[in-house]
Protein backbone atom coordinates (compact mmCIF):
# COMPACT_ATOMS: atom_id res chain seq x y z
CA UNK A 1 38.52 -35.89 -35.17
CA UNK A 2 37.40 -38.93 -37.15
CA UNK A 3 34.17 -40.23 -38.53
CA UNK A 4 30.97 -41.46 -36.90
CA UNK A 5 31.95 -45.14 -36.75
CA UNK A 6 32.80 -46.99 -33.58
CA UNK A 7 34.73 -50.22 -33.08
CA UNK A 8 33.68 -52.82 -30.57
CA UNK A 9 36.15 -54.77 -28.51
CA UNK A 10 36.67 -58.36 -29.60
CA UNK A 11 38.83 -60.28 -27.12
CA UNK A 12 39.82 -63.00 -29.60
CA UNK A 13 40.92 -60.80 -32.49
CA UNK A 14 41.04 -57.03 -31.89
CA UNK A 15 42.07 -56.41 -35.52
CA UNK A 16 38.87 -58.07 -36.78
CA UNK A 17 36.37 -55.87 -34.91
CA UNK A 18 33.06 -55.08 -36.59
CA UNK A 19 32.36 -51.40 -37.16
CA UNK A 20 29.28 -50.02 -35.43
CA UNK A 21 27.26 -47.13 -36.76
CA UNK A 22 24.64 -44.87 -35.20
CA UNK A 23 21.99 -46.59 -37.34
CA UNK A 24 22.46 -49.86 -35.42
CA UNK A 25 21.06 -48.22 -32.29
CA UNK A 26 17.56 -47.13 -31.33
CA UNK A 27 17.62 -43.66 -29.77
CA UNK A 28 15.35 -43.52 -26.70
CA UNK A 29 15.76 -40.22 -24.86
CA UNK A 30 18.32 -37.61 -23.81
CA UNK A 31 20.12 -38.35 -20.54
CA UNK A 32 22.08 -35.11 -20.42
CA UNK A 33 23.22 -32.03 -22.33
CA UNK A 34 26.53 -30.26 -22.47
CA UNK A 35 28.39 -27.53 -24.27
CA UNK A 36 29.16 -29.66 -27.31
CA UNK A 37 26.17 -31.97 -27.62
CA UNK A 38 23.94 -34.51 -25.90
CA UNK A 39 24.10 -37.92 -24.23
CA UNK A 40 21.38 -40.33 -25.34
CA UNK A 41 20.07 -43.56 -23.87
CA UNK A 42 20.28 -45.96 -26.79
CA UNK A 43 19.43 -49.59 -27.40
CA UNK A 44 21.62 -51.82 -29.56
CA UNK A 45 19.07 -53.29 -31.98
CA UNK A 46 20.81 -56.64 -32.35
CA UNK A 47 21.15 -57.57 -28.66
CA UNK A 48 18.54 -55.25 -27.07
CA UNK A 49 21.21 -53.99 -24.62
CA UNK A 50 21.13 -50.38 -23.41
CA UNK A 51 24.04 -47.95 -23.58
CA UNK A 52 24.76 -44.25 -23.29
CA UNK A 53 25.84 -42.58 -26.54
CA UNK A 54 27.46 -39.17 -26.56
CA UNK A 55 26.87 -37.17 -29.74
CA UNK A 56 28.92 -33.99 -30.12
CA UNK A 57 29.05 -31.24 -32.70
CA UNK A 58 32.49 -31.09 -34.27
CA UNK A 59 31.85 -27.46 -35.21
CA UNK A 60 31.18 -26.47 -31.58
CA UNK A 61 34.29 -28.33 -30.38
CA UNK A 62 36.43 -26.60 -33.00
CA UNK A 63 34.78 -23.21 -32.38
CA UNK A 64 35.53 -23.37 -28.64
CA UNK A 65 39.09 -24.61 -29.35
CA UNK A 66 38.55 -27.68 -27.16
CA UNK A 67 39.86 -30.38 -29.47
CA UNK A 68 42.57 -31.50 -27.03
CA UNK A 69 40.20 -31.83 -24.09
CA UNK A 70 37.66 -33.77 -26.17
CA UNK A 71 40.36 -36.14 -27.43
CA UNK A 72 41.60 -36.65 -23.84
CA UNK A 73 38.04 -37.48 -22.77
CA UNK A 74 37.76 -39.96 -25.67
CA UNK A 75 40.96 -41.72 -24.57
CA UNK A 76 39.73 -41.88 -20.99
CA UNK A 77 36.34 -43.32 -21.99
CA UNK A 78 38.02 -45.91 -24.24
CA UNK A 79 39.90 -47.29 -21.24
CA UNK A 80 36.92 -47.49 -18.88
CA UNK A 81 35.29 -50.87 -18.33
CA UNK A 82 32.13 -50.60 -16.26
CA UNK A 83 28.99 -52.73 -16.36
């Protein structure tokens, strides 16, 4: 299921995207909870912009045999573009 790094979208050169880590964000508070983890309101330290960050337990996903549905959700969220 991968590691805990995220790539940002760079319109000019998608192959030269910086890698983001959880440490580059300030965790504010929990927005919601689910069967696999939590959704946090986070602030990107560099730009002071706010985002939602979903943090899931790989063990819980594997234990509930939901790897396919989580990967489908990941693909869907990657394609969304909403302000």
